[in-house]
Amino acid sequence: MERNNLYPIFLKTGSLHILIVGGGNVAEEKLSFLTKSSPDARISMVSPMFRKNTLELARKFKVELITSTYNIEFLKGKHLVIATTDRPEINIQVYNDCRGMDKLVNVADNPPYCDFYMGGIVTKGNVKIAISTNGKSPTTAKRLRQYFEDVIPEDISRMVQNLNAYRKTIKGDFEQKVSKMNKVTEHLVSNRE
């Protein structure tokens, strides 16, 4: 059986600078995905043209738009790069440039040229769940996201806040705190019908 060896992380995109290369449908999709999950993300986009909806979304989230063709200079100061052009040779050039500058890069819809994938994300207040299909099936990730959005209650953040407040009252070392938190929460799963 094939394994998913990806390591999930949650990035503080407000303190990173992300570059999207491209201005078409895929670029708009990636921008929408980023801003929905991380409205404080610092994003720049470079493309000779931008779609109308992309312009509106960029304005709403203060995205820097650079009307130009891609060149390596645009990578300076960027931490993550997403290549979305409809020209494979440009996307591969972006990938090679990023590899040479130790930048993390995602070439949309081209897994061999990705350091990371942008999976499905479910957000309910303080709870965020990332879904990965190892780059194999974005549709599966989308369906799982829709499922979790339906079954996770809207007020799950209240539980997180309550448990956080309780955790702050517990005395002892880490192991003792974990033990007490387990005792408090074990009935949540043991009494299910």
N, C-alpha and C. Protein backbone atom coordinates (compact mmCIF):
# COMPACT_ATOMS: atom_id res chain seq x y z
N MET A 1 0.83 -1.18 0.00
CA MET A 1 0.00 0.00 0.00
C MET A 1 0.89 1.25 0.00
N GLU A 2 0.56 2.18 -0.86
CA GLU A 2 1.30 3.43 -0.95
C GLU A 2 1.01 4.30 0.29
N ARG A 3 2.03 5.00 0.77
CA ARG A 3 1.90 5.85 1.95
C ARG A 3 2.00 7.32 1.58
N ASN A 4 1.36 8.14 2.38
CA ASN A 4 1.49 9.58 2.25
C ASN A 4 2.55 10.01 3.26
N ASN A 5 3.74 10.37 2.77
CA ASN A 5 4.85 10.76 3.64
C ASN A 5 4.97 12.27 3.82
N LEU A 6 3.98 13.02 3.39
CA LEU A 6 4.02 14.47 3.54
C LEU A 6 3.89 14.85 5.02
N TYR A 7 4.53 15.93 5.39
CA TYR A 7 4.46 16.42 6.76
C TYR A 7 3.60 17.68 6.77
N PRO A 8 2.43 17.65 7.43
CA PRO A 8 1.57 18.84 7.44
C PRO A 8 2.10 19.90 8.39
N ILE A 9 2.06 21.14 7.96
CA ILE A 9 2.42 22.26 8.81
C ILE A 9 1.39 23.36 8.62
N PHE A 10 1.30 24.26 9.57
CA PHE A 10 0.41 25.40 9.48
C PHE A 10 1.29 26.65 9.50
N LEU A 11 1.29 27.37 8.40
CA LEU A 11 2.18 28.51 8.21
C LEU A 11 1.54 29.80 8.68
N LYS A 12 2.34 30.66 9.29
CA LYS A 12 1.90 32.01 9.65
C LYS A 12 2.14 32.90 8.43
N THR A 13 1.19 32.88 7.53
CA THR A 13 1.38 33.54 6.24
C THR A 13 1.44 35.06 6.34
N GLY A 14 1.04 35.61 7.46
CA GLY A 14 1.16 37.06 7.65
C GLY A 14 2.60 37.50 7.83
N SER A 15 3.48 36.56 8.22
CA SER A 15 4.89 36.92 8.41
C SER A 15 5.77 36.35 7.30
N LEU A 16 5.16 35.70 6.31
CA LEU A 16 5.88 35.21 5.14
C LEU A 16 5.44 36.03 3.93
N HIS A 17 6.23 35.98 2.87
CA HIS A 17 5.84 36.67 1.63
C HIS A 17 5.70 35.62 0.54
N ILE A 18 4.51 35.55 -0.04
CA ILE A 18 4.17 34.54 -1.04
C ILE A 18 4.07 35.20 -2.41
N LEU A 19 4.64 34.55 -3.41
CA LEU A 19 4.55 35.03 -4.79
C LEU A 19 3.75 34.03 -5.61
N ILE A 20 2.74 34.54 -6.32
CA ILE A 20 2.00 33.74 -7.29
C ILE A 20 2.41 34.23 -8.67
N VAL A 21 2.93 33.32 -9.49
CA VAL A 21 3.33 33.66 -10.85
C VAL A 21 2.20 33.22 -11.77
N GLY A 22 1.55 34.18 -12.37
CA GLY A 22 0.42 33.92 -13.26
C GLY A 22 -0.75 34.79 -12.87
N GLY A 23 -1.68 34.94 -13.81
CA GLY A 23 -2.84 35.79 -13.57
C GLY A 23 -4.13 35.21 -14.11
N GLY A 24 -4.12 33.95 -14.50
CA GLY A 24 -5.30 33.31 -15.09
C GLY A 24 -6.17 32.62 -14.07
N ASN A 25 -6.95 31.66 -14.53
CA ASN A 25 -7.90 30.93 -13.68
C ASN A 25 -7.23 30.22 -12.52
N VAL A 26 -6.13 29.54 -12.78
CA VAL A 26 -5.46 28.78 -11.71
C VAL A 26 -4.87 29.74 -10.67
N ALA A 27 -4.30 30.84 -11.12
CA ALA A 27 -3.77 31.84 -10.19
C ALA A 27 -4.89 32.38 -9.30
N GLU A 28 -6.03 32.65 -9.91
CA GLU A 28 -7.17 33.15 -9.15
C GLU A 28 -7.63 32.12 -8.12
N GLU A 29 -7.65 30.85 -8.52
CA GLU A 29 -8.03 29.78 -7.60
C GLU A 29 -7.08 29.72 -6.41
N LYS A 30 -5.77 29.79 -6.68
CA LYS A 30 -4.77 29.73 -5.60
C LYS A 30 -4.89 30.96 -4.69
N LEU A 31 -5.12 32.12 -5.28
CA LEU A 31 -5.28 33.35 -4.49
C LEU A 31 -6.53 33.24 -3.61
N SER A 32 -7.60 32.74 -4.17
CA SER A 32 -8.84 32.58 -3.42
C SER A 32 -8.64 31.60 -2.27
N PHE A 33 -7.97 30.50 -2.54
CA PHE A 33 -7.68 29.47 -1.54
C PHE A 33 -6.86 30.07 -0.40
N LEU A 34 -5.81 30.80 -0.74
CA LEU A 34 -4.94 31.39 0.27
C LEU A 34 -5.67 32.42 1.13
N THR A 35 -6.40 33.32 0.47
CA THR A 35 -7.04 34.40 1.22
C THR A 35 -8.23 33.91 2.04
N LYS A 36 -8.88 32.83 1.61
CA LYS A 36 -9.98 32.27 2.40
C LYS A 36 -9.44 31.71 3.70
N SER A 37 -8.35 30.97 3.62
CA SER A 37 -7.79 30.33 4.80
C SER A 37 -6.93 31.29 5.62
N SER A 38 -6.25 32.21 4.95
CA SER A 38 -5.31 33.12 5.62
C SER A 38 -5.50 34.53 5.09
N PRO A 39 -6.54 35.22 5.56
CA PRO A 39 -6.81 36.56 5.03
C PRO A 39 -5.70 37.59 5.28
N ASP A 40 -4.79 37.28 6.21
CA ASP A 40 -3.68 38.21 6.49
C ASP A 40 -2.42 37.86 5.71
N ALA A 41 -2.50 36.91 4.78
CA ALA A 41 -1.32 36.48 4.01
C ALA A 41 -0.74 37.66 3.22
N ARG A 42 0.58 37.71 3.18
CA ARG A 42 1.28 38.70 2.36
C ARG A 42 1.55 38.06 1.00
N ILE A 43 0.86 38.57 -0.01
CA ILE A 43 0.91 37.96 -1.33
C ILE A 43 1.24 39.00 -2.39
N SER A 44 2.11 38.60 -3.30
CA SER A 44 2.36 39.37 -4.53
C SER A 44 2.03 38.45 -5.70
N MET A 45 1.60 39.06 -6.80
CA MET A 45 1.32 38.29 -8.02
C MET A 45 2.02 38.98 -9.17
N VAL A 46 2.60 38.17 -10.07
CA VAL A 46 3.23 38.74 -11.26
C VAL A 46 2.66 38.04 -12.48
N SER A 47 2.22 38.86 -13.44
CA SER A 47 1.64 38.34 -14.68
C SER A 47 1.48 39.51 -15.65
N PRO A 48 1.55 39.23 -16.95
CA PRO A 48 1.29 40.30 -17.93
C PRO A 48 -0.17 40.75 -17.91
N MET A 49 -1.07 39.88 -17.40
CA MET A 49 -2.50 40.24 -17.30
C MET A 49 -3.13 39.55 -16.10
N PHE A 50 -4.21 40.16 -15.60
CA PHE A 50 -4.95 39.60 -14.48
C PHE A 50 -6.44 39.59 -14.82
N ARG A 51 -7.11 38.54 -14.45
CA ARG A 51 -8.56 38.45 -14.65
C ARG A 51 -9.28 39.47 -13.78
N LYS A 52 -10.46 39.86 -14.21
CA LYS A 52 -11.25 40.86 -13.48
C LYS A 52 -11.49 40.42 -12.03
N ASN A 53 -11.91 39.16 -11.83
CA ASN A 53 -12.17 38.67 -10.47
C ASN A 53 -10.90 38.64 -9.63
N THR A 54 -9.77 38.36 -10.27
CA THR A 54 -8.49 38.36 -9.56
C THR A 54 -8.18 39.77 -9.07
N LEU A 55 -8.42 40.76 -9.93
CA LEU A 55 -8.18 42.16 -9.55
C LEU A 55 -9.03 42.55 -8.34
N GLU A 56 -10.30 42.14 -8.35
CA GLU A 56 -11.19 42.47 -7.23
C GLU A 56 -10.75 41.79 -5.94
N LEU A 57 -10.40 40.52 -6.04
CA LEU A 57 -9.93 39.78 -4.87
C LEU A 57 -8.62 40.37 -4.35
N ALA A 58 -7.73 40.70 -5.24
CA ALA A 58 -6.44 41.30 -4.85
C ALA A 58 -6.65 42.63 -4.13
N ARG A 59 -7.55 43.42 -4.63
CA ARG A 59 -7.83 44.72 -4.00
C ARG A 59 -8.37 44.50 -2.58
N LYS A 60 -9.28 43.55 -2.44
CA LYS A 60 -9.90 43.27 -1.14
C LYS A 60 -8.87 42.84 -0.10
N PHE A 61 -7.86 42.07 -0.51
CA PHE A 61 -6.87 41.53 0.43
C PHE A 61 -5.50 42.20 0.33
N LYS A 62 -5.46 43.36 -0.32
CA LYS A 62 -4.22 44.15 -0.42
C LYS A 62 -3.06 43.35 -1.01
N VAL A 63 -3.34 42.61 -2.07
CA VAL A 63 -2.32 41.83 -2.77
C VAL A 63 -1.58 42.76 -3.73
N GLU A 64 -0.26 42.66 -3.72
CA GLU A 64 0.55 43.45 -4.65
C GLU A 64 0.47 42.81 -6.04
N LEU A 65 0.04 43.59 -7.02
CA LEU A 65 -0.05 43.11 -8.40
C LEU A 65 1.07 43.73 -9.22
N ILE A 66 1.83 42.89 -9.91
CA ILE A 66 2.94 43.35 -10.74
C ILE A 66 2.61 42.93 -12.18
N THR A 67 2.34 43.91 -13.02
CA THR A 67 2.01 43.62 -14.41
C THR A 67 3.31 43.53 -15.20
N SER A 68 3.78 42.30 -15.36
CA SER A 68 5.06 42.05 -16.02
C SER A 68 5.17 40.57 -16.31
N THR A 69 6.12 40.22 -17.16
CA THR A 69 6.43 38.81 -17.34
C THR A 69 7.38 38.39 -16.22
N TYR A 70 7.40 37.11 -15.93
CA TYR A 70 8.23 36.58 -14.84
C TYR A 70 9.71 36.72 -15.14
N ASN A 71 10.48 37.10 -14.13
CA ASN A 71 11.93 36.94 -14.15
C ASN A 71 12.39 36.66 -12.72
N ILE A 72 13.57 36.13 -12.60
CA ILE A 72 14.10 35.65 -11.31
C ILE A 72 14.15 36.74 -10.25
N GLU A 73 14.22 37.98 -10.65
CA GLU A 73 14.29 39.09 -9.69
C GLU A 73 13.06 39.14 -8.77
N PHE A 74 11.93 38.66 -9.26
CA PHE A 74 10.70 38.69 -8.48
C PHE A 74 10.73 37.72 -7.30
N LEU A 75 11.70 36.81 -7.28
CA LEU A 75 11.81 35.85 -6.18
C LEU A 75 12.48 36.44 -4.94
N LYS A 76 13.19 37.52 -5.12
CA LYS A 76 13.90 38.12 -3.97
C LYS A 76 12.92 38.51 -2.88
N GLY A 77 13.21 38.06 -1.65
CA GLY A 77 12.38 38.38 -0.50
C GLY A 77 11.13 37.53 -0.36
N LYS A 78 10.94 36.57 -1.23
CA LYS A 78 9.77 35.70 -1.16
C LYS A 78 10.15 34.40 -0.46
N HIS A 79 9.21 33.85 0.30
CA HIS A 79 9.44 32.60 1.03
C HIS A 79 8.82 31.40 0.33
N LEU A 80 7.63 31.60 -0.21
CA LEU A 80 6.90 30.55 -0.92
C LEU A 80 6.52 31.08 -2.30
N VAL A 81 6.57 30.19 -3.29
CA VAL A 81 6.24 30.59 -4.65
C VAL A 81 5.28 29.56 -5.24
N ILE A 82 4.27 30.07 -5.95
CA ILE A 82 3.29 29.21 -6.60
C ILE A 82 3.26 29.60 -8.08
N ALA A 83 3.62 28.66 -8.94
CA ALA A 83 3.64 28.91 -10.39
C ALA A 83 2.36 28.38 -11.00
N THR A 84 1.65 29.25 -11.72
CA THR A 84 0.32 28.86 -12.24
C THR A 84 0.12 29.22 -13.71
N THR A 85 1.19 29.52 -14.43
CA THR A 85 1.00 29.96 -15.81
C THR A 85 0.54 28.81 -16.69
N ASP A 86 0.04 29.14 -17.86
CA ASP A 86 -0.38 28.09 -18.81
C ASP A 86 0.76 27.70 -19.74
N ARG A 87 1.97 28.14 -19.39
CA ARG A 87 3.16 27.79 -20.19
C ARG A 87 4.09 26.94 -19.34
N PRO A 88 4.13 25.63 -19.59
CA PRO A 88 4.95 24.72 -18.77
C PRO A 88 6.41 25.14 -18.67
N GLU A 89 6.98 25.68 -19.73
CA GLU A 89 8.40 26.07 -19.68
C GLU A 89 8.64 27.20 -18.68
N ILE A 90 7.68 28.10 -18.52
CA ILE A 90 7.82 29.17 -17.53
C ILE A 90 7.69 28.58 -16.12
N ASN A 91 6.71 27.71 -15.92
CA ASN A 91 6.53 27.09 -14.61
C ASN A 91 7.77 26.30 -14.19
N ILE A 92 8.38 25.59 -15.14
CA ILE A 92 9.59 24.82 -14.82
C ILE A 92 10.77 25.76 -14.56
N GLN A 93 10.81 26.88 -15.25
CA GLN A 93 11.86 27.88 -14.99
C GLN A 93 11.70 28.44 -13.57
N VAL A 94 10.45 28.74 -13.18
CA VAL A 94 10.19 29.21 -11.82
C VAL A 94 10.66 28.15 -10.82
N TYR A 95 10.32 26.89 -11.08
CA TYR A 95 10.74 25.81 -10.20
C TYR A 95 12.27 25.76 -10.08
N ASN A 96 12.97 25.77 -11.21
CA ASN A 96 14.44 25.71 -11.19
C ASN A 96 15.04 26.92 -10.49
N ASP A 97 14.49 28.10 -10.73
CA ASP A 97 14.98 29.31 -10.06
C ASP A 97 14.79 29.20 -8.55
N CYS A 98 13.63 28.71 -8.13
CA CYS A 98 13.35 28.56 -6.70
C CYS A 98 14.29 27.54 -6.06
N ARG A 99 14.52 26.41 -6.74
CA ARG A 99 15.44 25.41 -6.21
C ARG A 99 16.82 26.01 -6.03
N GLY A 100 17.26 26.83 -6.98
CA GLY A 100 18.58 27.45 -6.90
C GLY A 100 18.70 28.48 -5.79
N MET A 101 17.56 29.01 -5.33
CA MET A 101 17.56 30.04 -4.29
C MET A 101 16.98 29.53 -2.97
N ASP A 102 16.80 28.21 -2.84
CA ASP A 102 16.25 27.60 -1.63
C ASP A 102 14.88 28.16 -1.25
N LYS A 103 14.04 28.37 -2.25
CA LYS A 103 12.66 28.81 -2.03
C LYS A 103 11.75 27.60 -2.14
N LEU A 104 10.72 27.53 -1.33
CA LEU A 104 9.72 26.49 -1.47
C LEU A 104 8.79 26.86 -2.62
N VAL A 105 8.48 25.86 -3.46
CA VAL A 105 7.72 26.15 -4.67
C VAL A 105 6.66 25.08 -4.93
N ASN A 106 5.56 25.52 -5.49
CA ASN A 106 4.48 24.64 -5.93
C ASN A 106 4.18 25.01 -7.37
N VAL A 107 4.35 24.06 -8.28
CA VAL A 107 3.94 24.27 -9.67
C VAL A 107 2.58 23.60 -9.80
N ALA A 108 1.55 24.40 -9.97
CA ALA A 108 0.17 23.91 -9.96
C ALA A 108 -0.02 22.76 -10.93
N ASP A 109 -0.68 21.72 -10.44
CA ASP A 109 -1.03 20.55 -11.25
C ASP A 109 0.18 19.83 -11.84
N ASN A 110 1.33 19.90 -11.16
CA ASN A 110 2.53 19.23 -11.64
C ASN A 110 3.33 18.72 -10.44
N PRO A 111 2.86 17.64 -9.79
CA PRO A 111 3.47 17.16 -8.54
C PRO A 111 4.98 16.99 -8.53
N PRO A 112 5.63 16.53 -9.62
CA PRO A 112 7.09 16.41 -9.52
C PRO A 112 7.80 17.75 -9.29
N TYR A 113 7.13 18.84 -9.57
CA TYR A 113 7.71 20.17 -9.41
C TYR A 113 7.10 20.91 -8.21
N CYS A 114 6.81 20.16 -7.16
CA CYS A 114 6.21 20.75 -5.96
C CYS A 114 6.98 20.36 -4.71
N ASP A 115 7.32 21.35 -3.90
CA ASP A 115 7.86 21.10 -2.57
C ASP A 115 6.72 20.93 -1.57
N PHE A 116 5.56 21.42 -1.91
CA PHE A 116 4.38 21.34 -1.05
C PHE A 116 3.14 21.33 -1.92
N TYR A 117 2.06 20.79 -1.35
CA TYR A 117 0.76 20.80 -2.01
C TYR A 117 -0.19 21.67 -1.20
N MET A 118 -1.14 22.22 -1.86
CA MET A 118 -2.16 23.02 -1.20
C MET A 118 -3.42 22.16 -1.10
N GLY A 119 -3.57 21.45 0.01
CA GLY A 119 -4.68 20.51 0.17
C GLY A 119 -5.97 21.19 0.56
N GLY A 120 -6.96 20.36 0.87
CA GLY A 120 -8.24 20.87 1.34
C GLY A 120 -8.11 21.36 2.77
N ILE A 121 -8.83 22.42 3.11
CA ILE A 121 -8.77 22.98 4.45
C ILE A 121 -10.18 23.22 4.97
N VAL A 122 -10.41 22.77 6.20
CA VAL A 122 -11.66 23.03 6.90
C VAL A 122 -11.33 23.94 8.07
N THR A 123 -12.03 25.07 8.18
CA THR A 123 -11.80 26.00 9.28
C THR A 123 -13.12 26.25 10.01
N LYS A 124 -13.08 26.03 11.30
CA LYS A 124 -14.21 26.33 12.18
C LYS A 124 -13.64 27.05 13.38
N GLY A 125 -13.62 28.37 13.34
CA GLY A 125 -13.05 29.15 14.44
C GLY A 125 -11.57 28.85 14.60
N ASN A 126 -11.20 28.39 15.80
CA ASN A 126 -9.79 28.07 16.09
C ASN A 126 -9.36 26.71 15.57
N VAL A 127 -10.29 25.92 15.08
CA VAL A 127 -9.97 24.58 14.59
C VAL A 127 -9.76 24.63 13.09
N LYS A 128 -8.63 24.09 12.65
CA LYS A 128 -8.31 24.03 11.23
C LYS A 128 -7.80 22.63 10.93
N ILE A 129 -8.38 22.01 9.92
CA ILE A 129 -7.99 20.66 9.52
C ILE A 129 -7.50 20.72 8.08
N ALA A 130 -6.31 20.18 7.85
CA ALA A 130 -5.76 20.12 6.50
C ALA A 130 -5.93 18.70 5.97
N ILE A 131 -6.27 18.60 4.69
CA ILE A 131 -6.52 17.30 4.06
C ILE A 131 -5.58 17.14 2.88
N SER A 132 -4.89 16.01 2.85
CA SER A 132 -3.97 15.72 1.75
C SER A 132 -4.30 14.38 1.12
N THR A 133 -4.23 14.33 -0.19
CA THR A 133 -4.35 13.06 -0.91
C THR A 133 -3.02 12.75 -1.59
N ASN A 134 -1.94 13.34 -1.06
CA ASN A 134 -0.60 13.11 -1.60
C ASN A 134 -0.48 13.59 -3.04
N GLY A 135 -1.27 14.61 -3.36
CA GLY A 135 -1.24 15.17 -4.71
C GLY A 135 -1.96 14.32 -5.75
N LYS A 136 -2.64 13.27 -5.32
CA LYS A 136 -3.25 12.32 -6.25
C LYS A 136 -4.67 12.69 -6.67
N SER A 137 -5.45 13.28 -5.76
CA SER A 137 -6.86 13.51 -6.09
C SER A 137 -7.42 14.75 -5.39
N PRO A 138 -7.28 15.91 -6.01
CA PRO A 138 -7.88 17.12 -5.43
C PRO A 138 -9.39 16.98 -5.21
N THR A 139 -10.05 16.19 -6.05
CA THR A 139 -11.50 16.00 -5.89
C THR A 139 -11.81 15.29 -4.59
N THR A 140 -11.02 14.29 -4.23
CA THR A 140 -11.22 13.59 -2.95
C THR A 140 -11.01 14.55 -1.79
N ALA A 141 -9.98 15.36 -1.86
CA ALA A 141 -9.73 16.35 -0.80
C ALA A 141 -10.91 17.31 -0.68
N LYS A 142 -11.45 17.72 -1.82
CA LYS A 142 -12.60 18.64 -1.82
C LYS A 142 -13.81 17.98 -1.17
N ARG A 143 -14.09 16.73 -1.52
CA ARG A 143 -15.25 16.02 -0.95
C ARG A 143 -15.08 15.81 0.55
N LEU A 144 -13.87 15.46 0.99
CA LEU A 144 -13.62 15.32 2.42
C LEU A 144 -13.79 16.65 3.14
N ARG A 145 -13.31 17.73 2.51
CA ARG A 145 -13.48 19.06 3.10
C ARG A 145 -14.96 19.37 3.28
N GLN A 146 -15.75 19.10 2.26
CA GLN A 146 -17.19 19.37 2.35
C GLN A 146 -17.83 18.54 3.45
N TYR A 147 -17.42 17.28 3.57
CA TYR A 147 -17.95 16.41 4.61
C TYR A 147 -17.64 16.97 6.00
N PHE A 148 -16.37 17.30 6.25
CA PHE A 148 -15.98 17.81 7.56
C PHE A 148 -16.62 19.16 7.87
N GLU A 149 -16.81 19.99 6.85
CA GLU A 149 -17.49 21.26 7.07
C GLU A 149 -18.91 21.03 7.56
N ASP A 150 -19.54 19.97 7.07
CA ASP A 150 -20.91 19.65 7.48
C ASP A 150 -20.98 19.04 8.88
N VAL A 151 -20.04 18.17 9.24
CA VAL A 151 -20.17 17.42 10.50
C VAL A 151 -19.52 18.11 11.71
N ILE A 152 -18.58 19.00 11.50
CA ILE A 152 -17.95 19.69 12.63
C ILE A 152 -18.86 20.87 13.02
N PRO A 153 -19.27 20.92 14.28
CA PRO A 153 -20.19 22.00 14.68
C PRO A 153 -19.53 23.38 14.61
N GLU A 154 -20.35 24.37 14.31
CA GLU A 154 -19.86 25.75 14.21
C GLU A 154 -19.24 26.23 15.52
N ASP A 155 -19.76 25.75 16.66
CA ASP A 155 -19.27 26.25 17.95
C ASP A 155 -18.13 25.41 18.54
N ILE A 156 -17.42 24.67 17.69
CA ILE A 156 -16.28 23.87 18.17
C ILE A 156 -15.22 24.76 18.83
N SER A 157 -15.14 26.02 18.40
CA SER A 157 -14.17 26.95 18.99
C SER A 157 -14.46 27.19 20.47
N ARG A 158 -15.71 27.12 20.84
CA ARG A 158 -16.07 27.30 22.24
C ARG A 158 -15.44 26.20 23.10
N MET A 159 -15.48 24.96 22.60
CA MET A 159 -14.86 23.86 23.31
C MET A 159 -13.35 24.09 23.43
N VAL A 160 -12.73 24.52 22.34
CA VAL A 160 -11.29 24.78 22.35
C VAL A 160 -10.96 25.86 23.38
N GLN A 161 -11.74 26.92 23.41
CA GLN A 161 -11.49 28.00 24.37
C GLN A 161 -11.68 27.53 25.80
N ASN A 162 -12.73 26.73 26.04
CA ASN A 162 -12.97 26.22 27.40
C ASN A 162 -11.84 25.30 27.85
N LEU A 163 -11.42 24.40 26.99
CA LEU A 163 -10.32 23.50 27.36
C LEU A 163 -9.01 24.27 27.54
N ASN A 164 -8.80 25.30 26.75
CA ASN A 164 -7.60 26.13 26.91
C ASN A 164 -7.63 26.84 28.27
N ALA A 165 -8.77 27.38 28.63
CA ALA A 165 -8.89 28.05 29.93
C ALA A 165 -8.64 27.06 31.07
N TYR A 166 -9.21 25.85 30.95
CA TYR A 166 -9.00 24.83 31.98
C TYR A 166 -7.53 24.42 32.05
N ARG A 167 -6.92 24.25 30.90
CA ARG A 167 -5.51 23.82 30.85
C ARG A 167 -4.62 24.80 31.60
N LYS A 168 -4.96 26.09 31.54
CA LYS A 168 -4.15 27.11 32.21
C LYS A 168 -4.25 27.01 33.73
N THR A 169 -5.30 26.34 34.23
CA THR A 169 -5.46 26.22 35.69
C THR A 169 -4.75 24.99 36.25
N ILE A 170 -4.30 24.09 35.40
CA ILE A 170 -3.69 22.84 35.85
C ILE A 170 -2.24 23.09 36.27
N LYS A 171 -1.89 22.52 37.40
CA LYS A 171 -0.52 22.62 37.91
C LYS A 171 0.22 21.32 37.62
N GLY A 172 1.55 21.39 37.57
CA GLY A 172 2.35 20.18 37.39
C GLY A 172 3.17 20.26 36.12
N ASP A 173 3.93 19.19 35.86
CA ASP A 173 4.75 19.15 34.66
C ASP A 173 3.87 18.75 33.46
N PHE A 174 4.47 18.71 32.31
CA PHE A 174 3.72 18.43 31.08
C PHE A 174 2.97 17.11 31.15
N GLU A 175 3.63 16.08 31.64
CA GLU A 175 3.00 14.75 31.72
C GLU A 175 1.78 14.77 32.64
N GLN A 176 1.87 15.47 33.76
CA GLN A 176 0.74 15.57 34.69
C GLN A 176 -0.42 16.34 34.05
N LYS A 177 -0.09 17.39 33.32
CA LYS A 177 -1.13 18.18 32.66
C LYS A 177 -1.85 17.35 31.60
N VAL A 178 -1.09 16.59 30.82
CA VAL A 178 -1.70 15.74 29.79
C VAL A 178 -2.62 14.71 30.45
N SER A 179 -2.17 14.12 31.53
CA SER A 179 -2.96 13.12 32.24
C SER A 179 -4.29 13.73 32.72
N LYS A 180 -4.24 14.92 33.30
CA LYS A 180 -5.46 15.58 33.79
C LYS A 180 -6.38 15.97 32.63
N MET A 181 -5.82 16.43 31.53
CA MET A 181 -6.64 16.79 30.36
C MET A 181 -7.30 15.54 29.78
N ASN A 182 -6.58 14.43 29.78
CA ASN A 182 -7.16 13.17 29.29
C ASN A 182 -8.34 12.74 30.15
N LYS A 183 -8.21 12.88 31.48
CA LYS A 183 -9.31 12.50 32.38
C LYS A 183 -10.54 13.38 32.15
N VAL A 184 -10.32 14.65 31.94
CA VAL A 184 -11.44 15.57 31.73
C VAL A 184 -12.16 15.30 30.42
N THR A 185 -11.42 14.89 29.39
CA THR A 185 -12.02 14.75 28.06
C THR A 185 -12.38 13.32 27.68
N GLU A 186 -11.94 12.33 28.46
CA GLU A 186 -12.17 10.94 28.04
C GLU A 186 -13.64 10.58 27.94
N HIS A 187 -14.50 11.19 28.74
CA HIS A 187 -15.93 10.89 28.67
C HIS A 187 -16.55 11.38 27.36
N LEU A 188 -15.90 12.28 26.67
CA LEU A 188 -16.44 12.77 25.41
C LEU A 188 -16.50 11.67 24.36
N VAL A 189 -15.58 10.70 24.45
CA VAL A 189 -15.59 9.60 23.48
C VAL A 189 -16.05 8.28 24.09
N SER A 190 -15.91 8.11 25.38
CA SER A 190 -16.27 6.81 25.99
C SER A 190 -17.77 6.62 26.16
N ASN A 191 -18.56 7.67 26.23
CA ASN A 191 -20.00 7.56 26.43
C ASN A 191 -20.81 7.68 25.15
N ARG A 192 -20.16 7.55 24.02
CA ARG A 192 -20.88 7.65 22.74
C ARG A 192 -21.79 6.44 22.57
N GLU A 193 -22.94 6.67 21.96
CA GLU A 193 -23.88 5.56 21.72
C GLU A 193 -23.74 5.01 20.34
